[in-house]
Amino acid sequence: IMEVFKITNMKNQTHGGMQWGKGIEWWVFGSGAAFCSPDLIHFYDHPLLAVLHNPLHVNYIPALLWRGEASGQIFSDRGMKWGCKRFCTLEQIPLPVVTENQRVAYGILCALAVYPETNWVAWAQSWLDGTDRSRLAAHVAAEAAADRTGEAASTGARAATRAASAAYAIPVYAIPAAALAAYAAQAAANVAMAMGREFRLLPYAEAALLVKEE
């Protein structure tokens, strides 16, 4: 049994109207292990990652967070989300509070782990330390990384493009910025998996909370 976390809408429901609540348990019986299918019940391994990845997955706004138990065989989708065959929600808990800047910082920190291009790294560091968070600088960084998506390290460039695009979008388009930041994390996880590298998302999420707002 694994203690985990699940996002629901305000009616305590997930996809297809599946109803959750205190002590409610569901099983799925499909023989496969495909994510985003009836084969698995989805969850997250940490409350912070549940909040950061919500815009990319179910995108419940507003949302509720439940502590629960996953049992049986456990499956990981690059750490972005997890799945199991049997799940029980135990209690509702507070959602971690994450600002839009912290969401963008999360995407940037994940991309930095897999994309070493010098100019992009310089932009990323200037955004993280608050030196330059202008939309123009973010746009230039996103365009430069996008120009490299056809190269061998295309997924790393994709992570960098998404992260810089999130920084560009944040002043005007908060929800797309949040989704782009989560996409950056997913793209970085893809690169790490392709390289056979261990890639833990939580340290980047925790580091993002330390980034200055301005």
Foldseek 3Di string as FASTA:
>chain_A
DAKFKDKDAPQCADPPRRHADAFDKDFQDDPDDDPPDSQWDKTAHDLLLCVLLCLQPVVHVVIWMFIKDADDDKADPLRSMITHGMMHTHHTDDRDDDDLQLSLQLLLLLLVVQDPPPLLVVLNVCSQQVVDLDLVSLVVQLVVLCVCLVDPSNLSSQSSNLSSVLSNCCVPNSSSSSNSSSVSNSSSSVSCVVVVHRDHSVVSSVVSVVGDPD
